[in-house]
Protein backbone atom coordinates (compact mmCIF):
# COMPACT_ATOMS: atom_id res chain seq x y z
CA MET A 1 111.84 131.69 94.45
CA THR A 2 111.26 135.59 95.19
CA ASN A 3 112.40 137.40 92.01
CA ARG A 4 112.30 134.47 89.84
CA PHE A 5 110.49 136.39 87.33
CA THR A 6 111.13 139.63 85.80
CA THR A 7 108.52 142.43 85.43
CA TYR A 8 105.75 141.23 83.41
CA GLY A 9 105.77 144.76 81.32
CA LEU A 10 102.66 143.84 78.99
CA SER A 11 99.92 145.98 78.03
CA ILE A 12 96.42 145.64 78.89
CA ARG A 13 93.10 146.63 76.97
CA PRO A 14 90.58 147.11 79.37
CA PRO A 15 87.55 146.86 78.13
CA LYS A 16 72.12 112.64 74.37
CA VAL A 17 69.97 110.26 75.08
CA MET A 18 68.78 108.17 72.21
CA LEU A 19 64.81 107.75 72.74
CA CYS A 20 62.58 105.06 71.22
CA SER A 21 59.08 106.17 71.38
CA LYS A 22 56.73 107.88 69.12
CA ASN A 23 57.09 111.56 71.39
CA ALA A 24 60.93 111.01 70.91
CA ALA A 25 61.55 114.42 69.38
CA CYS A 26 59.13 116.41 71.69
CA LEU A 27 61.10 114.98 74.64
CA LEU A 28 64.32 115.87 73.72
CA ALA A 29 63.27 119.36 72.46
CA ALA A 30 62.36 119.54 76.14
CA VAL A 31 65.26 118.38 77.13
CA LEU A 32 67.61 120.54 75.35
CA PHE A 33 65.31 123.70 76.17
CA SER A 34 66.29 122.88 80.11
CA ALA A 35 69.82 122.61 79.91
CA SER A 36 69.85 125.99 77.44
CA VAL A 37 67.84 127.92 80.51
CA ALA A 38 70.08 126.54 83.06
CA LEU A 39 73.23 127.25 81.46
CA ALA A 40 71.77 131.06 80.10
CA GLN A 41 70.40 131.63 84.11
CA ALA A 42 74.05 130.43 85.41
CA ALA A 43 75.66 133.24 83.59
CA LYS A 44 74.52 135.44 86.61
CA PRO A 45 77.01 134.24 89.31
CA ARG A 46 75.64 132.32 92.01
CA ARG A 47 77.92 134.35 94.37
CA PRO A 48 80.08 136.64 93.42
CA ALA A 49 84.16 136.83 92.63
CA GLU A 50 85.90 137.03 96.05
CA SER A 51 88.41 139.28 94.02
CA THR A 52 87.94 142.19 91.51
CA ASN A 53 92.12 143.32 91.68
CA HIS A 54 93.06 141.17 88.30
CA HIS A 55 93.76 141.67 84.69
CA ASP A 56 90.41 141.12 82.57
CA ILE A 57 90.37 137.57 81.83
CA LEU A 58 88.86 135.01 79.54
CA PHE A 59 88.13 131.38 80.46
CA VAL A 60 85.78 128.76 79.69
CA GLN A 61 82.37 127.56 81.84
CA THR A 62 81.30 124.16 82.15
CA ALA A 63 78.61 121.97 83.76
CA SER A 64 80.80 118.85 83.21
CA LEU A 65 84.23 118.43 82.89
CA LYS A 66 85.22 115.34 81.61
CA ALA A 67 88.73 114.09 81.69
CA GLY A 68 90.14 111.86 78.11
CA ARG A 69 89.91 112.72 74.42
CA LEU A 70 90.62 116.89 73.75
CA SER A 71 87.22 116.60 72.16
CA GLU A 72 85.13 114.94 74.60
CA ARG A 73 85.97 117.50 77.70
CA PHE A 74 82.65 119.15 77.33
CA PRO A 75 79.80 116.66 77.17
CA ARG A 76 76.87 119.23 77.95
CA GLY A 77 78.50 122.11 76.69
CA SER A 78 80.74 125.52 77.18
CA ARG A 79 81.31 128.80 76.77
CA ILE A 80 83.86 131.49 76.65
CA VAL A 81 83.29 134.43 79.18
CA ARG A 82 84.88 137.37 79.77
CA LEU A 83 85.25 139.00 83.42
CA ASN A 84 86.88 142.41 83.07
CA LYS A 85 88.95 143.91 86.01
CA GLY A 86 86.68 145.31 88.65
CA SER A 87 84.10 143.37 87.67
CA THR A 88 82.05 140.17 89.04
CA VAL A 89 80.08 139.30 86.19
CA PRO A 90 81.08 137.36 83.61
CA SER A 91 79.68 138.40 79.55
CA ASP A 92 79.22 135.50 77.45
CA LEU A 93 80.97 135.76 74.32
CA THR A 94 80.11 132.76 72.88
CA PRO A 95 76.34 132.02 73.04
CA ASN A 96 75.45 131.00 69.64
CA LEU A 97 78.24 127.82 69.79
CA PHE A 98 77.54 124.49 72.09
CA ALA A 99 81.20 124.25 73.01
CA VAL A 100 83.87 126.05 73.23
CA ALA A 101 87.53 125.71 74.46
CA ASP A 102 91.26 126.37 74.51
CA PRO A 103 91.72 130.27 74.24
CA ARG A 104 94.58 131.51 73.45
CA ILE A 105 95.66 136.03 73.27
CA SER A 106 97.35 136.55 69.78
CA PHE A 107 101.08 138.12 70.50
CA ASP A 108 99.51 141.63 70.07
CA GLY A 109 96.23 141.00 72.68
CA THR A 110 93.56 142.08 69.97
CA SER A 111 92.25 138.85 69.09
CA PHE A 112 92.33 135.11 70.25
CA LEU A 113 91.78 131.50 69.15
CA PHE A 114 89.67 128.99 70.40
CA ALA A 115 88.42 125.11 69.76
CA GLY A 116 84.21 125.37 69.26
CA LYS A 117 81.51 123.18 67.90
CA LYS A 118 78.31 124.67 66.47
CA ASP A 119 75.97 122.12 68.04
CA GLU A 120 76.28 119.19 69.78
CA ALA A 121 76.94 117.03 66.17
CA ALA A 122 78.76 119.37 64.64
CA ALA A 123 82.93 118.77 64.09
CA TRP A 124 84.82 121.02 66.00
CA GLN A 125 86.80 123.46 64.24
CA ILE A 126 89.47 126.63 64.96
CA TRP A 127 87.67 130.54 65.27
CA GLU A 128 88.96 133.83 65.94
CA MET A 129 87.46 136.69 67.86
CA ASN A 130 87.80 140.10 69.30
CA PRO A 131 88.34 139.74 73.33
CA ASP A 132 85.39 141.78 73.06
CA GLY A 133 83.01 139.34 71.69
CA THR A 134 82.87 140.76 68.00
CA GLY A 135 84.60 139.32 64.71
CA LEU A 136 83.70 135.77 65.30
CA ARG A 137 85.26 133.87 61.82
CA GLN A 138 85.67 130.44 61.53
CA LEU A 139 89.23 129.31 60.40
CA SER A 140 89.17 126.05 59.83
CA HIS A 141 87.67 123.15 57.93
CA CYS A 142 88.63 119.74 59.13
CA ASP A 143 86.86 116.65 58.27
CA GLY A 144 87.17 115.83 62.00
CA ASN A 145 88.05 117.76 65.01
CA CYS A 146 90.43 120.19 65.24
CA LEU A 147 91.29 121.72 68.64
CA SER A 148 93.99 123.28 70.96
CA PRO A 149 95.22 126.13 68.66
CA ALA A 150 98.14 128.60 69.19
CA TRP A 151 99.73 131.35 67.48
CA LEU A 152 102.66 131.18 65.34
CA PRO A 153 105.18 133.94 63.92
CA ARG A 154 104.16 135.36 60.64
CA ASP A 155 100.94 134.98 60.53
CA GLU A 156 100.46 131.19 60.78
CA ILE A 157 98.88 129.42 63.85
CA THR A 158 99.15 125.33 64.60
CA PHE A 159 96.54 123.25 66.49
CA THR A 160 95.75 119.75 66.86
CA GLY A 161 93.79 117.40 64.55
CA GLU A 162 91.39 114.67 65.62
CA SER A 163 90.48 111.75 63.17
CA GLN A 164 89.39 107.71 63.23
CA ASP A 165 90.38 105.40 60.49
CA GLY A 166 87.74 102.84 58.89
CA GLN A 167 88.29 100.65 61.99
CA GLY A 168 86.96 103.70 64.75
CA ASN A 169 90.71 103.85 66.22
CA ARG A 170 91.45 107.59 67.14
CA THR A 171 94.47 109.59 65.55
CA CYS A 172 95.84 112.54 66.79
CA ARG A 173 98.07 114.63 64.88
CA ILE A 174 99.50 118.71 64.99
CA TYR A 175 98.82 121.00 62.37
CA VAL A 176 100.51 124.38 60.40
CA SER A 177 98.44 126.60 58.44
CA ASN A 178 98.07 129.89 57.35
CA ARG A 179 95.99 132.16 59.98
CA ASP A 180 92.70 132.12 57.62
CA GLY A 181 93.33 128.06 57.78
CA SER A 182 94.70 127.66 54.48
CA ASN A 183 97.34 125.19 53.47
CA ALA A 184 96.78 123.29 56.52
CA HIS A 185 99.46 119.94 56.74
CA PRO A 186 100.56 117.62 59.51
CA ILE A 187 103.66 118.01 61.07
CA THR A 188 103.50 114.84 63.14
CA PHE A 189 103.52 111.40 61.47
CA GLY A 190 103.22 107.64 62.76
CA PRO A 191 101.20 106.72 66.01
CA GLY A 192 101.65 108.67 69.59
CA ASP A 193 98.55 110.81 69.46
CA TYR A 194 100.48 113.99 69.40
CA GLU A 195 98.55 116.45 70.95
CA LEU A 196 99.48 120.58 70.73
CA GLU A 197 100.35 122.17 74.40
CA THR A 198 101.81 125.35 73.74
CA VAL A 199 104.60 126.99 71.61
CA LEU A 200 107.81 128.45 73.42
CA GLN A 201 109.67 131.36 73.11
CA SER A 202 112.23 129.23 71.52
CA GLY A 203 109.77 128.72 68.43
CA LEU A 204 109.34 125.20 69.17
CA ILE A 205 106.36 123.71 69.72
CA LEU A 206 105.99 122.12 73.25
CA ALA A 207 103.21 118.73 72.37
CA SER A 208 102.36 115.95 74.54
CA ALA A 209 102.01 112.27 73.28
CA ARG A 210 101.86 108.94 74.24
CA THR A 211 105.50 107.17 75.79
CA PRO A 212 106.74 105.50 74.05
CA LEU A 213 105.54 106.55 70.52
CA ARG A 214 103.61 103.07 70.11
CA GLN A 215 100.20 102.46 68.95
CA ARG A 216 97.78 102.75 72.29
CA GLU A 217 97.25 99.15 72.63
CA GLU A 218 101.22 98.95 73.19
CA SER A 219 100.85 101.58 75.71
CA ASP A 220 100.41 102.22 79.34
CA GLY A 221 98.61 105.25 78.88
CA SER A 222 101.53 107.30 79.62
CA ARG A 223 102.10 110.95 78.13
CA SER A 224 105.22 112.95 78.12
CA LEU A 225 105.80 115.94 76.41
CA TYR A 226 108.11 116.58 73.15
CA THR A 227 109.41 119.44 71.35
CA ILE A 228 109.43 119.51 67.45
CA ARG A 229 110.44 122.75 64.63
CA PRO A 230 107.09 124.11 62.91
CA ASP A 231 108.39 122.47 59.79
CA GLY A 232 108.17 118.85 61.78
CA SER A 233 112.01 118.32 62.05
CA GLY A 234 113.52 117.85 65.00
CA LEU A 235 111.13 115.54 67.25
CA GLU A 236 113.02 115.68 70.86
CA SER A 237 111.56 114.36 73.99
CA PHE A 238 111.61 117.70 76.21
CA ARG A 239 112.46 115.67 79.70
CA CYS A 240 112.85 111.56 79.49
CA ASP A 241 110.90 110.84 82.94
CA HIS A 242 109.75 107.18 82.51
CA ARG A 243 109.74 106.88 86.86
CA GLN A 244 105.66 106.24 86.67
CA ALA A 245 102.96 105.70 84.36
CA VAL A 246 101.17 109.18 84.32
CA ILE A 247 99.70 111.78 81.98
CA ARG A 248 101.34 115.04 81.84
CA SER A 249 99.15 117.47 80.02
CA GLN A 250 97.98 121.28 79.81
CA ALA A 251 101.44 122.68 79.63
CA GLU A 252 102.84 126.44 79.63
CA GLU A 253 105.73 128.23 79.36
CA LEU A 254 106.66 130.90 82.53
CA GLN A 255 108.43 133.85 81.69
CA ASP A 256 111.69 132.52 83.02
CA GLY A 257 111.65 129.46 80.72
CA SER A 258 110.52 127.23 82.87
CA VAL A 259 107.42 124.77 81.93
CA VAL A 260 104.50 124.21 84.22
CA PHE A 261 102.21 121.20 83.92
CA VAL A 262 99.52 119.17 85.09
CA LYS A 263 100.05 115.36 86.16
CA SER A 264 97.35 112.91 86.38
CA GLY A 265 96.69 109.14 87.06
CA VAL A 266 96.29 107.15 83.47
CA HIS A 267 93.33 105.92 84.34
CA GLY A 268 91.45 108.14 86.43
CA PRO A 269 88.21 109.31 85.07
CA GLU A 270 87.99 112.45 86.67
CA ALA A 271 89.75 115.80 85.39
CA GLY A 272 92.46 117.42 87.17
CA GLY A 273 95.88 116.39 88.80
CA GLU A 274 98.76 117.47 90.58
CA MET A 275 100.50 120.87 88.91
CA ALA A 276 104.24 120.28 88.59
CA GLU A 277 107.38 122.32 87.51
CA ILE A 278 110.56 121.45 85.00
CA GLU A 279 112.79 124.51 85.65
CA ARG A 280 114.80 125.92 82.88
CA GLY A 281 117.98 123.61 82.84
CA ALA A 282 116.29 120.79 85.20
CA THR A 283 116.26 117.55 84.12
CA HIS A 284 113.30 116.46 86.16
CA ASN A 285 109.89 117.63 87.50
CA SER A 286 109.06 119.04 90.81
CA THR A 287 105.69 118.97 92.16
CA LEU A 288 104.17 122.90 92.55
CA GLY A 289 102.01 123.90 95.23
CA PRO A 290 100.59 122.23 98.27
CA ALA A 291 99.74 118.41 97.85
CA ASN A 292 96.45 116.93 97.06
CA GLU A 293 95.20 119.70 94.87
CA ILE A 294 93.21 119.10 92.25
CA ILE A 295 94.54 121.31 89.29
CA TRP A 296 93.22 122.33 85.93
CA SER A 297 94.88 124.54 82.90
CA PRO A 298 97.30 126.64 85.09
CA ARG A 299 98.17 129.67 83.47
CA GLN A 300 100.79 132.68 84.08
CA LEU A 301 98.68 135.40 84.88
CA GLU A 302 101.29 138.09 85.95
CA ALA A 303 105.23 138.53 87.54
CA GLU A 304 104.94 135.77 90.34
CA LYS A 305 101.72 134.35 89.77
CA LEU A 306 99.34 132.01 87.90
CA ILE A 307 95.92 131.72 87.46
CA VAL A 308 94.93 128.20 87.70
CA ALA A 309 91.55 126.16 87.92
CA ARG A 310 91.48 124.43 91.98
CA ARG A 311 88.93 121.78 92.66
CA ALA A 312 86.48 123.11 95.04
CA PRO A 313 87.14 121.52 98.42
CA ALA A 314 83.74 121.88 99.76
CA PRO A 315 81.32 119.25 100.29
CA GLY A 316 77.99 119.08 97.72
CA SER A 317 80.94 121.19 95.09
CA GLY A 318 80.52 118.05 92.63
CA GLY A 319 84.08 118.51 91.18
CA ARG A 320 83.69 121.99 90.19
CA PHE A 321 86.41 124.00 89.44
CA ASP A 322 87.20 127.65 90.88
CA LEU A 323 89.53 129.94 89.77
CA TYR A 324 92.82 130.94 91.85
CA SER A 325 95.92 132.90 91.86
CA TYR A 326 98.85 131.11 93.14
CA ASP A 327 101.62 132.91 94.17
CA PHE A 328 105.16 131.44 93.87
CA ALA A 329 106.97 133.66 95.88
CA GLN A 330 104.90 132.45 99.00
CA GLY A 331 104.78 129.36 97.20
CA LYS A 332 100.41 128.71 98.04
CA PHE A 333 97.10 129.92 96.58
CA GLN A 334 95.81 133.13 97.01
CA GLY A 335 91.96 134.24 97.65
CA PRO A 336 89.82 132.98 94.82
CA ILE A 337 89.51 135.34 91.91
CA TYR A 338 86.17 133.89 90.65
CA LYS A 339 83.41 131.12 91.99
CA ASP A 340 80.24 129.86 89.99
CA SER A 341 77.83 127.86 92.58
CA GLU A 342 76.77 125.62 89.52
CA LEU A 343 79.53 125.93 86.87
CA SER A 344 83.58 124.65 86.10
CA SER A 345 85.95 127.48 85.36
CA VAL A 346 89.16 126.76 83.37
CA GLU A 347 91.54 127.56 80.96
CA ALA A 348 91.72 131.13 81.92
CA VAL A 349 94.02 133.63 80.15
CA PRO A 350 94.56 137.04 80.80
CA VAL A 351 93.59 139.78 77.60
CA ALA A 352 97.47 140.99 77.04
CA ALA A 353 99.94 141.16 74.89
CA HIS A 354 102.87 138.67 75.22
CA PRO A 355 106.25 138.46 73.50
CA VAL A 356 106.17 136.26 70.22
CA PRO A 357 108.44 133.68 70.01
CA ARG A 358 111.55 132.65 67.16
CA TRP A 359 110.79 132.29 63.84
CA TYR A 360 112.02 128.63 62.99
CA TRP A 361 113.87 129.45 59.19
CA SER A 362 113.01 125.77 58.10
CA THR A 363 116.06 123.82 56.07
CA LEU A 364 113.52 121.61 54.52
CA ASN A 365 113.39 120.79 50.98
CA SER A 366 109.93 119.63 49.84
CA LYS A 367 110.78 118.57 46.96
CA ALA A 368 113.66 115.69 48.07
CA LYS A 369 112.60 112.35 47.95
CA ALA A 370 114.39 111.03 51.40
CA GLY A 371 115.35 112.10 54.99
CA TYR A 372 118.63 110.74 56.95
CA PHE A 373 119.71 109.73 59.84
CA ILE A 374 123.01 110.31 61.64
CA CYS A 375 123.76 108.38 64.76
CA LEU A 376 127.16 109.59 66.47
CA ASP A 377 127.50 106.24 68.52
CA ALA A 378 124.49 103.50 68.91
CA SER A 379 126.52 101.81 71.62
CA LEU A 380 125.48 104.78 73.77
CA SER A 381 122.44 104.12 75.63
CA ALA A 382 120.86 105.49 79.28
CA ASP A 383 119.01 101.97 79.50
CA ALA A 384 122.44 100.03 79.67
CA PRO A 385 124.65 99.59 82.64
CA GLN A 386 127.46 102.45 82.42
CA GLY A 387 125.32 103.66 79.54
CA ARG A 388 126.67 101.78 77.20
CA LEU A 389 125.59 98.13 75.35
CA GLN A 390 127.37 95.09 76.06
CA ARG A 391 127.49 94.03 72.89
CA LYS A 392 128.78 95.72 70.13
CA PRO A 393 126.77 96.78 66.92
CA ALA A 394 127.17 95.57 63.41
CA ARG A 395 124.04 96.74 62.19
CA VAL A 396 121.22 98.62 62.34
CA ARG A 397 117.83 97.11 60.56
CA VAL A 398 115.28 100.15 59.63
CA LEU A 399 111.63 99.47 60.27
CA VAL A 400 108.47 101.14 58.74
CA LEU A 401 104.99 100.80 60.04
CA ASN A 402 102.69 100.59 56.48
CA ALA A 403 99.91 103.29 56.61
CA ALA A 404 97.54 101.40 54.45
CA THR A 405 98.05 97.76 56.74
CA ASN A 406 99.14 99.11 60.23
CA LYS A 407 102.06 96.75 60.22
CA GLU A 408 105.72 97.24 60.42
CA GLN A 409 107.97 96.16 57.40
CA ASN A 410 111.85 95.59 56.96
CA LEU A 411 112.94 98.71 54.85
CA GLY A 412 116.67 96.62 55.05
CA GLU A 413 119.83 97.53 57.26
CA ALA A 414 122.62 99.14 56.86
CA GLN A 415 126.65 98.98 58.27
CA VAL A 416 127.57 100.39 62.02
CA GLU A 417 130.85 101.24 61.36
CA GLN A 418 134.04 100.73 64.12
CA ASP A 419 133.04 103.59 66.26
CA GLY A 420 129.18 103.32 65.86
CA SER A 421 128.35 105.56 64.06
CA PHE A 422 126.28 104.98 60.81
CA TYR A 423 124.53 107.25 58.35
CA ILE A 424 120.99 105.87 56.22
CA ALA A 425 118.82 107.48 54.26
CA VAL A 426 115.17 106.86 54.22
CA PRO A 427 111.52 107.19 52.75
CA PRO A 428 110.16 110.93 54.39
CA ASP A 429 107.25 111.24 56.55
CA SER A 430 107.36 107.80 57.26
CA PRO A 431 107.50 106.23 60.67
CA LEU A 432 110.56 104.39 61.15
CA ARG A 433 112.44 102.69 64.25
CA PHE A 434 115.64 100.77 64.56
CA GLU A 435 116.75 97.37 65.93
CA LEU A 436 120.53 96.98 66.52
CA LEU A 437 122.15 93.31 65.71
CA ASP A 438 125.33 92.15 66.64
CA GLY A 439 127.56 90.29 64.17
CA GLU A 440 125.72 86.96 64.18
CA GLY A 441 122.36 89.50 63.14
CA LYS A 442 120.94 89.02 66.72
CA VAL A 443 118.84 92.22 67.81
CA ILE A 444 120.60 93.42 70.99
CA HIS A 445 118.69 96.43 71.48
CA SER A 446 115.28 97.66 69.34
CA GLN A 447 114.09 100.83 69.43
CA GLN A 448 109.94 101.41 71.39
CA SER A 449 109.30 104.29 69.87
CA TRP A 450 108.32 105.38 66.09
CA ILE A 451 109.73 108.34 64.11
CA TRP A 452 110.29 109.39 60.88
CA ALA A 453 112.53 112.37 58.90
CA ARG A 454 111.00 115.12 57.02
CA PRO A 455 112.34 115.40 53.32
CA GLY A 456 115.56 116.51 53.08
CA GLU A 457 115.83 116.93 56.88
CA GLU A 458 119.25 115.31 58.48
CA HIS A 459 118.02 113.95 61.36
CA GLY A 460 121.33 113.70 64.54
CA CYS A 461 121.55 111.42 67.18
CA VAL A 462 124.10 110.95 69.97
CA GLY A 463 123.84 107.56 70.55
CA CYS A 464 120.26 104.81 71.17
CA HIS A 465 118.24 106.76 74.06
CA GLU A 466 121.44 108.34 75.31
CA ASP A 467 121.44 110.46 78.26
CA ARG A 468 120.85 114.01 77.44
CA ALA A 469 123.27 115.89 80.26
CA VAL A 470 126.15 114.08 78.81
CA ALA A 471 127.73 115.65 76.02
CA PRO A 472 128.77 113.50 73.22
CA PRO A 473 132.91 113.49 71.99
CA ASN A 474 134.50 116.01 69.84
CA ARG A 475 135.18 113.30 66.79
CA TRP A 476 134.45 112.91 62.90
CA PRO A 477 132.41 109.95 63.17
CA LEU A 478 133.75 107.31 60.33
CA ALA A 479 130.30 107.12 59.09
CA LEU A 480 130.48 110.57 57.79
CA ARG A 481 134.39 110.37 56.42
CA ARG A 482 133.34 108.07 53.65
CA PHE A 483 131.89 111.50 51.60
CA ASP A 484 129.39 109.15 49.50
CA THR A 485 126.09 108.34 49.83
CA PRO A 486 124.32 106.53 52.88
CA SER A 487 123.17 103.71 53.13
CA SER A 488 120.00 104.01 51.59
CA LEU A 489 116.93 101.93 52.55
CA GLY A 490 113.70 102.25 51.03
CA VAL A 491 114.87 104.95 48.97
CA GLN A 492 117.03 105.98 45.44
CA VAL A 493 120.10 108.72 46.37
CA GLN A 494 122.30 110.13 43.67
CA PRO A 495 125.49 110.91 45.48
CA ALA A 496 124.99 114.69 44.59
CA ALA A 497 121.63 114.77 46.54
CA ALA A 498 123.70 113.42 49.81
CA HIS A 499 125.31 116.39 50.22
């Protein structure tokens, strides 16, 4: 695995407890004061960093790290610190915020995004700051929680928005906004709890979401990786891997196009998991690093090296995470970069410029009243023997998830041509799923995930959960030979608007 990366070549800028007595307020104030003192004292590490030969880095320190929802990771608060090259003592950049998370360095290395909350009761918002701790500014003003931000080209940002409905059900969607937080709008729709992972060099957004994309009560808790364009079109599974119930998260793209991420159990209460990698062009992931290591937040440090949060193996560590470098060439961890005897250190990023991803020119029409699905051959399915459904589909039924009732409704049916193709127009930005019917109207295959089409988007698919490793036949589908409007289900489409 030696020389798998090119030279980095990047410039570095140096440097609640509910109380019921009449003394509740006083006691609560004392508890909060003690906690703040403990965190302040921890700014001086109980032991020095093991290695000072590293880039300037930013990372999150916390006294408590919890698995589960993004908004609940740091129940006792957290802070972002900077550790300069050659130094053993980090400096606190966020002393005026109760909790912070998810630092992301800008493309030119002169500022960083992060999620933060002013106090314990406040919602998480997106903030920006200079790497030296100056210039703090709040970007988002979300009603719910906004977390895990990332940079997009042309002065845009993207982030995860977490909200709750009247029944207390949590929903996570991915948003895109201008850099200053204005014009924030969702780009994912329907169930799935989409959480932003990173922005790939291709310009696609890499997200994690439930598998399949169904309601929480209909899922076994698994989460997989998906790609989506910044305009919300082109939702695709990054890799189909249904071999076990597992959560895939904390993904990061490396310089050679590979993606590293953390795999953890769906029911485990503890944070962290196994480090895994999907090499560029590979169809499945492979384990990275020694077995039985508990990892959090792998990020690229330099050529052939990662910086990761690794659970301290020492007895009495209390599940604390320390920062280590991982060497790809040797396939093993090197000496620790930073340790603190009381606080976990996670989500480390080097203070360095890095390449700007490609820009996607959107072809969507915001005034369009429909989205479109074009299927080449609905008989193709990786779930069926020999890759084809045994019974030939004659019609396709389209179901929509009603936002008001959270119940599915039948939009209608459309013809499937003799070659298995169909072309339909549907309501845009609406969660949809398909059922294939035989000539007698019986369901022969049912899509499990809810997907959507954006206004004016022509969403193409080869088959019904087809094998992504097999190229489709080069032919003109019958559904596109008619030169008229697509089959309209739930929308009215004029002939000229369909082409």
